[in-house]
Amino acid sequence: GRLPDDVTKQQEDRSFIRCQTNQIPQVIEKVVANARTK
């Protein structure tokens, strides 16, 4: 039941991207495109 203080901090295996509902598709599209290049 706890949210760590570092939840939004960039980690080696996880990250948090702040955005609103209408920005979700655009953000996910960029994340996926970046992953595909790798």
PDB file of all heavy atoms in Angstrom:
ATOM      1  N   GLY A   1       0.794  -1.224   0.000  1.00  0.00           N
ATOM      2  CA  GLY A   1       0.000   0.000   0.000  1.00  0.00           C
ATOM      3  C   GLY A   1       0.819   1.263   0.000  1.00  0.00           C
ATOM      4  O   GLY A   1       0.321   2.336   0.368  1.00  0.00           O
ATOM      5  N   ARG A   2       2.073   1.159  -0.420  1.00  0.00           N
ATOM      6  CA  ARG A   2       2.952   2.334  -0.412  1.00  0.00           C
ATOM      7  C   ARG A   2       3.409   2.668  -1.825  1.00  0.00           C
ATOM      8  O   ARG A   2       3.643   1.787  -2.633  1.00  0.00           O
ATOM      9  CB  ARG A   2       4.183   2.069   0.462  1.00  0.00           C
ATOM     10  CG  ARG A   2       3.869   1.802   1.915  1.00  0.00           C
ATOM     11  CD  ARG A   2       5.121   1.955   2.779  1.00  0.00           C
ATOM     12  NE  ARG A   2       6.108   0.926   2.501  1.00  0.00           N
ATOM     13  CZ  ARG A   2       6.326  -0.123   3.287  1.00  0.00           C
ATOM     14  NH1 ARG A   2       5.592  -0.292   4.384  1.00  0.00           N
ATOM     15  NH2 ARG A   2       7.248  -1.014   2.988  1.00  0.00           N
ATOM     16  N   LEU A   3       3.520   3.966  -2.094  1.00  0.00           N
ATOM     17  CA  LEU A   3       4.071   4.429  -3.364  1.00  0.00           C
ATOM     18  C   LEU A   3       5.471   4.981  -3.091  1.00  0.00           C
ATOM     19  O   LEU A   3       5.615   5.973  -2.369  1.00  0.00           O
ATOM     20  CB  LEU A   3       3.192   5.523  -3.975  1.00  0.00           C
ATOM     21  CG  LEU A   3       3.625   6.023  -5.361  1.00  0.00           C
ATOM     22  CD1 LEU A   3       3.506   4.900  -6.384  1.00  0.00           C
ATOM     23  CD2 LEU A   3       2.783   7.208  -5.793  1.00  0.00           C
ATOM     24  N   PRO A   4       6.518   4.353  -3.608  1.00  0.00           N
ATOM     25  CA  PRO A   4       7.890   4.804  -3.313  1.00  0.00           C
ATOM     26  C   PRO A   4       8.122   6.241  -3.767  1.00  0.00           C
ATOM     27  O   PRO A   4       7.527   6.708  -4.741  1.00  0.00           O
ATOM     28  CB  PRO A   4       8.764   3.832  -4.131  1.00  0.00           C
ATOM     29  CG  PRO A   4       7.898   2.657  -4.406  1.00  0.00           C
ATOM     30  CD  PRO A   4       6.493   3.176  -4.487  1.00  0.00           C
ATOM     31  N   ASP A   5       8.979   6.940  -3.035  1.00  0.00           N
ATOM     32  CA  ASP A   5       9.294   8.336  -3.369  1.00  0.00           C
ATOM     33  C   ASP A   5       9.963   8.440  -4.738  1.00  0.00           C
ATOM     34  O   ASP A   5       9.877   9.472  -5.398  1.00  0.00           O
ATOM     35  CB  ASP A   5      10.218   8.941  -2.301  1.00  0.00           C
ATOM     36  CG  ASP A   5       9.528   9.033  -0.942  1.00  0.00           C
ATOM     37  OD1 ASP A   5       8.285   9.146  -0.932  1.00  0.00           O
ATOM     38  OD2 ASP A   5      10.225   8.978   0.085  1.00  0.00           O
ATOM     39  N   ASP A   6      10.632   7.354  -5.155  1.00  0.00           N
ATOM     40  CA  ASP A   6      11.380   7.405  -6.415  1.00  0.00           C
ATOM     41  C   ASP A   6      10.579   6.852  -7.597  1.00  0.00           C
ATOM     42  O   ASP A   6      11.149   6.492  -8.617  1.00  0.00           O
ATOM     43  CB  ASP A   6      12.698   6.640  -6.278  1.00  0.00           C
ATOM     44  CG  ASP A   6      12.492   5.147  -6.076  1.00  0.00           C
ATOM     45  OD1 ASP A   6      11.330   4.718  -5.868  1.00  0.00           O
ATOM     46  OD2 ASP A   6      13.479   4.390  -6.137  1.00  0.00           O
ATOM     47  N   VAL A   7       9.223   6.782  -7.457  1.00  0.00           N
ATOM     48  CA  VAL A   7       8.427   6.162  -8.515  1.00  0.00           C
ATOM     49  C   VAL A   7       8.566   6.900  -9.849  1.00  0.00           C
ATOM     50  O   VAL A   7       8.514   6.288 -10.918  1.00  0.00           O
ATOM     51  CB  VAL A   7       6.939   6.067  -8.096  1.00  0.00           C
ATOM     52  CG1 VAL A   7       6.289   7.445  -8.016  1.00  0.00           C
ATOM     53  CG2 VAL A   7       6.159   5.170  -9.071  1.00  0.00           C
ATOM     54  N   THR A   8       8.777   8.212  -9.796  1.00  0.00           N
ATOM     55  CA  THR A   8       8.905   8.971 -11.046  1.00  0.00           C
ATOM     56  C   THR A   8      10.365   9.129 -11.484  1.00  0.00           C
ATOM     57  O   THR A   8      10.634   9.688 -12.545  1.00  0.00           O
ATOM     58  CB  THR A   8       8.286  10.366 -10.883  1.00  0.00           C
ATOM     59  OG1 THR A   8       8.943  11.058  -9.812  1.00  0.00           O
ATOM     60  CG2 THR A   8       6.794  10.277 -10.581  1.00  0.00           C
ATOM     61  N   LYS A   9      11.272   8.621 -10.668  1.00  0.00           N
ATOM     62  CA  LYS A   9      12.699   8.742 -10.988  1.00  0.00           C
ATOM     63  C   LYS A   9      13.109   7.688 -12.020  1.00  0.00           C
ATOM     64  O   LYS A   9      12.689   6.537 -11.951  1.00  0.00           O
ATOM     65  CB  LYS A   9      13.524   8.574  -9.709  1.00  0.00           C
ATOM     66  CG  LYS A   9      15.010   8.797  -9.904  1.00  0.00           C
ATOM     67  CD  LYS A   9      15.751   8.586  -8.576  1.00  0.00           C
ATOM     68  CE  LYS A   9      17.258   8.695  -8.769  1.00  0.00           C
ATOM     69  NZ  LYS A   9      17.996   8.421  -7.511  1.00  0.00           N
ATOM     70  N   GLN A  10      13.911   8.090 -12.970  1.00  0.00           N
ATOM     71  CA  GLN A  10      14.397   7.181 -14.008  1.00  0.00           C
ATOM     72  C   GLN A  10      15.283   6.095 -13.396  1.00  0.00           C
ATOM     73  O   GLN A  10      16.243   6.400 -12.693  1.00  0.00           O
ATOM     74  CB  GLN A  10      15.193   7.973 -15.049  1.00  0.00           C
ATOM     75  CG  GLN A  10      15.751   7.129 -16.183  1.00  0.00           C
ATOM     76  CD  GLN A  10      14.710   6.829 -17.247  1.00  0.00           C
ATOM     77  OE1 GLN A  10      13.734   7.540 -17.383  1.00  0.00           O
ATOM     78  NE2 GLN A  10      14.923   5.762 -17.994  1.00  0.00           N
ATOM     79  N   GLN A  11      14.931   4.846 -13.635  1.00  0.00           N
ATOM     80  CA  GLN A  11      15.714   3.714 -13.146  1.00  0.00           C
ATOM     81  C   GLN A  11      16.271   2.965 -14.355  1.00  0.00           C
ATOM     82  O   GLN A  11      15.861   3.203 -15.497  1.00  0.00           O
ATOM     83  CB  GLN A  11      14.839   2.775 -12.313  1.00  0.00           C
ATOM     84  CG  GLN A  11      14.110   3.445 -11.161  1.00  0.00           C
ATOM     85  CD  GLN A  11      14.971   3.615  -9.947  1.00  0.00           C
ATOM     86  OE1 GLN A  11      16.074   3.088  -9.884  1.00  0.00           O
ATOM     87  NE2 GLN A  11      14.485   4.360  -8.962  1.00  0.00           N
ATOM     88  N   GLU A  12      17.160   2.029 -14.081  1.00  0.00           N
ATOM     89  CA  GLU A  12      17.753   1.262 -15.170  1.00  0.00           C
ATOM     90  C   GLU A  12      16.720   0.401 -15.889  1.00  0.00           C
ATOM     91  O   GLU A  12      16.794   0.193 -17.095  1.00  0.00           O
ATOM     92  CB  GLU A  12      18.879   0.376 -14.619  1.00  0.00           C
ATOM     93  CG  GLU A  12      19.764  -0.217 -15.702  1.00  0.00           C
ATOM     94  CD  GLU A  12      20.968  -0.940 -15.119  1.00  0.00           C
ATOM     95  OE1 GLU A  12      21.522  -0.475 -14.115  1.00  0.00           O
ATOM     96  OE2 GLU A  12      21.333  -1.982 -15.691  1.00  0.00           O
ATOM     97  N   ASP A  13      15.715  -0.084 -15.132  1.00  0.00           N
ATOM     98  CA  ASP A  13      14.726  -0.988 -15.731  1.00  0.00           C
ATOM     99  C   ASP A  13      13.309  -0.428 -15.724  1.00  0.00           C
ATOM    100  O   ASP A  13      12.371  -1.107 -16.127  1.00  0.00           O
ATOM    101  CB  ASP A  13      14.743  -2.353 -15.030  1.00  0.00           C
ATOM    102  CG  ASP A  13      14.502  -2.239 -13.535  1.00  0.00           C
ATOM    103  OD1 ASP A  13      14.434  -1.096 -13.022  1.00  0.00           O
ATOM    104  OD2 ASP A  13      14.374  -3.287 -12.869  1.00  0.00           O
ATOM    105  N   ARG A  14      13.111   0.783 -15.260  1.00  0.00           N
ATOM    106  CA  ARG A  14      11.775   1.377 -15.320  1.00  0.00           C
ATOM    107  C   ARG A  14      11.840   2.895 -15.374  1.00  0.00           C
ATOM    108  O   ARG A  14      12.838   3.500 -14.963  1.00  0.00           O
ATOM    109  CB  ARG A  14      10.914   0.929 -14.142  1.00  0.00           C
ATOM    110  CG  ARG A  14      11.354   1.424 -12.771  1.00  0.00           C
ATOM    111  CD  ARG A  14      10.349   0.977 -11.701  1.00  0.00           C
ATOM    112  NE  ARG A  14      10.881   1.123 -10.361  1.00  0.00           N
ATOM    113  CZ  ARG A  14      10.766   2.236  -9.632  1.00  0.00           C
ATOM    114  NH1 ARG A  14      10.150   3.303 -10.134  1.00  0.00           N
ATOM    115  NH2 ARG A  14      11.272   2.287  -8.416  1.00  0.00           N
ATOM    116  N   SER A  15      10.760   3.485 -15.898  1.00  0.00           N
ATOM    117  CA  SER A  15      10.693   4.936 -15.989  1.00  0.00           C
ATOM    118  C   SER A  15       9.252   5.387 -15.863  1.00  0.00           C
ATOM    119  O   SER A  15       8.316   4.582 -15.972  1.00  0.00           O
ATOM    120  CB  SER A  15      11.283   5.412 -17.325  1.00  0.00           C
ATOM    121  OG  SER A  15      10.584   4.823 -18.404  1.00  0.00           O
ATOM    122  N   PHE A  16       9.055   6.678 -15.611  1.00  0.00           N
ATOM    123  CA  PHE A  16       7.718   7.256 -15.456  1.00  0.00           C
ATOM    124  C   PHE A  16       7.651   8.504 -16.331  1.00  0.00           C
ATOM    125  O   PHE A  16       8.476   9.410 -16.193  1.00  0.00           O
ATOM    126  CB  PHE A  16       7.462   7.621 -13.986  1.00  0.00           C
ATOM    127  CG  PHE A  16       6.025   7.932 -13.672  1.00  0.00           C
ATOM    128  CD1 PHE A  16       5.251   7.058 -12.928  1.00  0.00           C
ATOM    129  CD2 PHE A  16       5.426   9.111 -14.121  1.00  0.00           C
ATOM    130  CE1 PHE A  16       3.922   7.339 -12.642  1.00  0.00           C
ATOM    131  CE2 PHE A  16       4.104   9.401 -13.848  1.00  0.00           C
ATOM    132  CZ  PHE A  16       3.345   8.509 -13.098  1.00  0.00           C
ATOM    133  N   ILE A  17       6.677   8.525 -17.238  1.00  0.00           N
ATOM    134  CA  ILE A  17       6.510   9.675 -18.134  1.00  0.00           C
ATOM    135  C   ILE A  17       5.218  10.391 -17.755  1.00  0.00           C
ATOM    136  O   ILE A  17       4.128   9.813 -17.862  1.00  0.00           O
ATOM    137  CB  ILE A  17       6.458   9.227 -19.611  1.00  0.00           C
ATOM    138  CG1 ILE A  17       7.725   8.447 -19.965  1.00  0.00           C
ATOM    139  CG2 ILE A  17       6.282  10.428 -20.530  1.00  0.00           C
ATOM    140  CD1 ILE A  17       7.665   7.763 -21.315  1.00  0.00           C
ATOM    141  N   ARG A  18       5.341  11.627 -17.305  1.00  0.00           N
ATOM    142  CA  ARG A  18       4.147  12.384 -16.910  1.00  0.00           C
ATOM    143  C   ARG A  18       3.383  12.857 -18.147  1.00  0.00           C
ATOM    144  O   ARG A  18       3.967  13.469 -19.045  1.00  0.00           O
ATOM    145  CB  ARG A  18       4.546  13.597 -16.055  1.00  0.00           C
ATOM    146  CG  ARG A  18       4.985  13.238 -14.638  1.00  0.00           C
ATOM    147  CD  ARG A  18       5.171  14.515 -13.825  1.00  0.00           C
ATOM    148  NE  ARG A  18       5.492  14.241 -12.436  1.00  0.00           N
ATOM    149  CZ  ARG A  18       6.721  14.101 -11.955  1.00  0.00           C
ATOM    150  NH1 ARG A  18       7.753  14.209 -12.793  1.00  0.00           N
ATOM    151  NH2 ARG A  18       6.938  13.867 -10.683  1.00  0.00           N
ATOM    152  N   CYS A  19       2.090  12.592 -18.179  1.00  0.00           N
ATOM    153  CA  CYS A  19       1.248  13.060 -19.283  1.00  0.00           C
ATOM    154  C   CYS A  19      -0.211  12.939 -18.875  1.00  0.00           C
ATOM    155  O   CYS A  19      -0.552  12.253 -17.899  1.00  0.00           O
ATOM    156  CB  CYS A  19       1.523  12.277 -20.561  1.00  0.00           C
ATOM    157  SG  CYS A  19       1.246  10.501 -20.417  1.00  0.00           S
ATOM    158  N   GLN A  20      -1.084  13.587 -19.644  1.00  0.00           N
ATOM    159  CA  GLN A  20      -2.515  13.529 -19.384  1.00  0.00           C
ATOM    160  C   GLN A  20      -3.180  12.546 -20.335  1.00  0.00           C
ATOM    161  O   GLN A  20      -2.556  12.037 -21.273  1.00  0.00           O
ATOM    162  CB  GLN A  20      -3.117  14.928 -19.528  1.00  0.00           C
ATOM    163  CG  GLN A  20      -2.573  15.911 -18.499  1.00  0.00           C
ATOM    164  CD  GLN A  20      -3.131  17.311 -18.690  1.00  0.00           C
ATOM    165  OE1 GLN A  20      -3.568  17.667 -19.786  1.00  0.00           O
ATOM    166  NE2 GLN A  20      -3.103  18.112 -17.630  1.00  0.00           N
ATOM    167  N   THR A  21      -4.473  12.306 -20.084  1.00  0.00           N
ATOM    168  CA  THR A  21      -5.205  11.274 -20.835  1.00  0.00           C
ATOM    169  C   THR A  21      -5.072  11.435 -22.346  1.00  0.00           C
ATOM    170  O   THR A  21      -4.754  10.480 -23.060  1.00  0.00           O
ATOM    171  CB  THR A  21      -6.695  11.292 -20.439  1.00  0.00           C
ATOM    172  OG1 THR A  21      -6.808  11.055 -19.027  1.00  0.00           O
ATOM    173  CG2 THR A  21      -7.460  10.206 -21.177  1.00  0.00           C
ATOM    174  N   ASN A  22      -5.309  12.655 -22.843  1.00  0.00           N
ATOM    175  CA  ASN A  22      -5.284  12.859 -24.294  1.00  0.00           C
ATOM    176  C   ASN A  22      -3.882  12.768 -24.898  1.00  0.00           C
ATOM    177  O   ASN A  22      -3.717  12.714 -26.115  1.00  0.00           O
ATOM    178  CB  ASN A  22      -5.933  14.199 -24.667  1.00  0.00           C
ATOM    179  CG  ASN A  22      -5.224  15.382 -24.024  1.00  0.00           C
ATOM    180  OD1 ASN A  22      -4.373  15.202 -23.161  1.00  0.00           O
ATOM    181  ND2 ASN A  22      -5.571  16.589 -24.440  1.00  0.00           N
ATOM    182  N   GLN A  23      -2.848  12.728 -24.044  1.00  0.00           N
ATOM    183  CA  GLN A  23      -1.467  12.617 -24.524  1.00  0.00           C
ATOM    184  C   GLN A  23      -0.957  11.172 -24.527  1.00  0.00           C
ATOM    185  O   GLN A  23       0.100  10.894 -25.084  1.00  0.00           O
ATOM    186  CB  GLN A  23      -0.541  13.474 -23.649  1.00  0.00           C
ATOM    187  CG  GLN A  23      -0.855  14.967 -23.690  1.00  0.00           C
ATOM    188  CD  GLN A  23      -0.049  15.739 -22.658  1.00  0.00           C
ATOM    189  OE1 GLN A  23       0.034  15.340 -21.491  1.00  0.00           O
ATOM    190  NE2 GLN A  23       0.556  16.839 -23.075  1.00  0.00           N
ATOM    191  N   ILE A  24      -1.730  10.276 -23.890  1.00  0.00           N
ATOM    192  CA  ILE A  24      -1.297   8.875 -23.737  1.00  0.00           C
ATOM    193  C   ILE A  24      -0.961   8.219 -25.079  1.00  0.00           C
ATOM    194  O   ILE A  24       0.128   7.626 -25.236  1.00  0.00           O
ATOM    195  CB  ILE A  24      -2.358   8.052 -22.967  1.00  0.00           C
ATOM    196  CG1 ILE A  24      -2.388   8.448 -21.493  1.00  0.00           C
ATOM    197  CG2 ILE A  24      -2.101   6.556 -23.104  1.00  0.00           C
ATOM    198  CD1 ILE A  24      -1.190   8.049 -20.678  1.00  0.00           C
ATOM    199  N   PRO A  25      -1.831   8.286 -26.110  1.00  0.00           N
ATOM    200  CA  PRO A  25      -1.499   7.625 -27.379  1.00  0.00           C
ATOM    201  C   PRO A  25      -0.189   8.126 -27.983  1.00  0.00           C
ATOM    202  O   PRO A  25       0.625   7.328 -28.473  1.00  0.00           O
ATOM    203  CB  PRO A  25      -2.689   7.968 -28.283  1.00  0.00           C
ATOM    204  CG  PRO A  25      -3.816   8.232 -27.345  1.00  0.00           C
ATOM    205  CD  PRO A  25      -3.187   8.889 -26.155  1.00  0.00           C
ATOM    206  N   GLN A  26       0.023   9.446 -27.934  1.00  0.00           N
ATOM    207  CA  GLN A  26       1.238  10.029 -28.510  1.00  0.00           C
ATOM    208  C   GLN A  26       2.482   9.569 -27.758  1.00  0.00           C
ATOM    209  O   GLN A  26       3.503   9.225 -28.363  1.00  0.00           O
ATOM    210  CB  GLN A  26       1.128  11.567 -28.463  1.00  0.00           C
ATOM    211  CG  GLN A  26       2.293  12.287 -29.114  1.00  0.00           C
ATOM    212  CD  GLN A  26       2.160  13.805 -28.992  1.00  0.00           C
ATOM    213  OE1 GLN A  26       1.189  14.310 -28.435  1.00  0.00           O
ATOM    214  NE2 GLN A  26       3.149  14.524 -29.503  1.00  0.00           N
ATOM    215  N   VAL A  27       2.393   9.537 -26.429  1.00  0.00           N
ATOM    216  CA  VAL A  27       3.534   9.114 -25.602  1.00  0.00           C
ATOM    217  C   VAL A  27       3.860   7.640 -25.870  1.00  0.00           C
ATOM    218  O   VAL A  27       5.027   7.270 -26.073  1.00  0.00           O
ATOM    219  CB  VAL A  27       3.229   9.334 -24.105  1.00  0.00           C
ATOM    220  CG1 VAL A  27       4.267   8.629 -23.233  1.00  0.00           C
ATOM    221  CG2 VAL A  27       3.198  10.823 -23.782  1.00  0.00           C
ATOM    222  N   ILE A  28       2.834   6.789 -25.883  1.00  0.00           N
ATOM    223  CA  ILE A  28       3.057   5.349 -26.108  1.00  0.00           C
ATOM    224  C   ILE A  28       3.627   5.114 -27.500  1.00  0.00           C
ATOM    225  O   ILE A  28       4.517   4.276 -27.689  1.00  0.00           O
ATOM    226  CB  ILE A  28       1.752   4.561 -25.897  1.00  0.00           C
ATOM    227  CG1 ILE A  28       1.365   4.584 -24.417  1.00  0.00           C
ATOM    228  CG2 ILE A  28       1.899   3.117 -26.382  1.00  0.00           C
ATOM    229  CD1 ILE A  28       0.062   3.888 -24.094  1.00  0.00           C
ATOM    230  N   GLU A  29       3.138   5.863 -28.473  1.00  0.00           N
ATOM    231  CA  GLU A  29       3.651   5.727 -29.839  1.00  0.00           C
ATOM    232  C   GLU A  29       5.146   6.012 -29.890  1.00  0.00           C
ATOM    233  O   GLU A  29       5.908   5.278 -30.540  1.00  0.00           O
ATOM    234  CB  GLU A  29       2.899   6.691 -30.762  1.00  0.00           C
ATOM    235  CG  GLU A  29       3.267   6.540 -32.228  1.00  0.00           C
ATOM    236  CD  GLU A  29       2.457   7.459 -33.129  1.00  0.00           C
ATOM    237  OE1 GLU A  29       1.665   8.258 -32.606  1.00  0.00           O
ATOM    238  OE2 GLU A  29       2.625   7.355 -34.368  1.00  0.00           O
ATOM    239  N   LYS A  30       5.593   7.051 -29.186  1.00  0.00           N
ATOM    240  CA  LYS A  30       7.022   7.401 -29.175  1.00  0.00           C
ATOM    241  C   LYS A  30       7.845   6.345 -28.443  1.00  0.00           C
ATOM    242  O   LYS A  30       8.940   5.981 -28.884  1.00  0.00           O
ATOM    243  CB  LYS A  30       7.216   8.774 -28.522  1.00  0.00           C
ATOM    244  CG  LYS A  30       6.764   9.938 -29.398  1.00  0.00           C
ATOM    245  CD  LYS A  30       7.073  11.270 -28.745  1.00  0.00           C
ATOM    246  CE  LYS A  30       6.672  12.429 -29.657  1.00  0.00           C
ATOM    247  NZ  LYS A  30       6.928  13.743 -29.013  1.00  0.00           N
ATOM    248  N   VAL A  31       7.321   5.840 -27.338  1.00  0.00           N
ATOM    249  CA  VAL A  31       8.032   4.812 -26.567  1.00  0.00           C
ATOM    250  C   VAL A  31       8.204   3.547 -27.409  1.00  0.00           C
ATOM    251  O   VAL A  31       9.289   2.953 -27.459  1.00  0.00           O
ATOM    252  CB  VAL A  31       7.275   4.484 -25.256  1.00  0.00           C
ATOM    253  CG1 VAL A  31       7.880   3.253 -24.586  1.00  0.00           C
ATOM    254  CG2 VAL A  31       7.310   5.673 -24.305  1.00  0.00           C
ATOM    255  N   VAL A  32       7.129   3.146 -28.084  1.00  0.00           N
ATOM    256  CA  VAL A  32       7.163   1.929 -28.914  1.00  0.00           C
ATOM    257  C   VAL A  32       8.121   2.106 -30.091  1.00  0.00           C
ATOM    258  O   VAL A  32       8.915   1.202 -30.409  1.00  0.00           O
ATOM    259  CB  VAL A  32       5.745   1.580 -29.411  1.00  0.00           C
ATOM    260  CG1 VAL A  32       5.808   0.496 -30.484  1.00  0.00           C
ATOM    261  CG2 VAL A  32       4.883   1.119 -28.251  1.00  0.00           C
ATOM    262  N   ALA A  33       8.055   3.278 -30.729  1.00  0.00           N
ATOM    263  CA  ALA A  33       8.946   3.545 -31.871  1.00  0.00           C
ATOM    264  C   ALA A  33      10.402   3.481 -31.435  1.00  0.00           C
ATOM    265  O   ALA A  33      11.259   2.924 -32.146  1.00  0.00           O
ATOM    266  CB  ALA A  33       8.629   4.915 -32.461  1.00  0.00           C
ATOM    267  N   ASN A  34      10.684   4.007 -30.259  1.00  0.00           N
ATOM    268  CA  ASN A  34      12.054   3.979 -29.716  1.00  0.00           C
ATOM    269  C   ASN A  34      12.497   2.543 -29.421  1.00  0.00           C
ATOM    270  O   ASN A  34      13.635   2.156 -29.713  1.00  0.00           O
ATOM    271  CB  ASN A  34      12.122   4.836 -28.453  1.00  0.00           C
ATOM    272  CG  ASN A  34      13.533   4.941 -27.910  1.00  0.00           C
ATOM    273  OD1 ASN A  34      14.489   5.150 -28.655  1.00  0.00           O
ATOM    274  ND2 ASN A  34      13.678   4.782 -26.604  1.00  0.00           N
ATOM    275  N   ALA A  35      11.587   1.744 -28.854  1.00  0.00           N
ATOM    276  CA  ALA A  35      11.916   0.343 -28.540  1.00  0.00           C
ATOM    277  C   ALA A  35      12.164  -0.460 -29.813  1.00  0.00           C
ATOM    278  O   ALA A  35      13.045  -1.323 -29.854  1.00  0.00           O
ATOM    279  CB  ALA A  35      10.785  -0.285 -27.732  1.00  0.00           C
ATOM    280  N   ARG A  36      11.414  -0.150 -30.871  1.00  0.00           N
ATOM    281  CA  ARG A  36      11.584  -0.875 -32.132  1.00  0.00           C
ATOM    282  C   ARG A  36      12.945  -0.587 -32.764  1.00  0.00           C
ATOM    283  O   ARG A  36      13.549  -1.471 -33.379  1.00  0.00           O
ATOM    284  CB  ARG A  36      10.465  -0.508 -33.106  1.00  0.00           C
ATOM    285  CG  ARG A  36       9.099  -1.042 -32.679  1.00  0.00           C
ATOM    286  CD  ARG A  36       8.091  -0.881 -33.799  1.00  0.00           C
ATOM    287  NE  ARG A  36       8.361  -1.815 -34.899  1.00  0.00           N
ATOM    288  CZ  ARG A  36       7.893  -1.669 -36.116  1.00  0.00           C
ATOM    289  NH1 ARG A  36       7.165  -0.606 -36.436  1.00  0.00           N
ATOM    290  NH2 ARG A  36       8.173  -2.543 -37.056  1.00  0.00           N
ATOM    291  N   THR A  37      13.424   0.639 -32.604  1.00  0.00           N
ATOM    292  CA  THR A  37      14.745   0.960 -33.156  1.00  0.00           C
ATOM    293  C   THR A  37      15.845   0.182 -32.450  1.00  0.00           C
ATOM    294  O   THR A  37      16.930  -0.003 -32.990  1.00  0.00           O
ATOM    295  CB  THR A  37      15.040   2.474 -33.035  1.00  0.00           C
ATOM    296  OG1 THR A  37      15.041   2.840 -31.652  1.00  0.00           O
ATOM    297  CG2 THR A  37      14.018   3.300 -33.781  1.00  0.00           C
ATOM    298  N   LYS A  38      15.544  -0.304 -31.237  1.00  0.00           N
ATOM    299  CA  LYS A  38      16.520  -1.089 -30.471  1.00  0.00           C
ATOM    300  C   LYS A  38      16.349  -2.592 -30.709  1.00  0.00           C
ATOM    301  O   LYS A  38      16.994  -3.410 -30.040  1.00  0.00           O
ATOM    302  CB  LYS A  38      16.381  -0.778 -28.981  1.00  0.00           C
ATOM    303  CG  LYS A  38      16.739   0.671 -28.653  1.00  0.00           C
ATOM    304  CD  LYS A  38      16.565   0.964 -27.171  1.00  0.00           C
ATOM    305  CE  LYS A  38      16.929   2.424 -26.864  1.00  0.00           C
ATOM    306  NZ  LYS A  38      16.716   2.764 -25.447  1.00  0.00           N
TER     307      LYS A  38
END
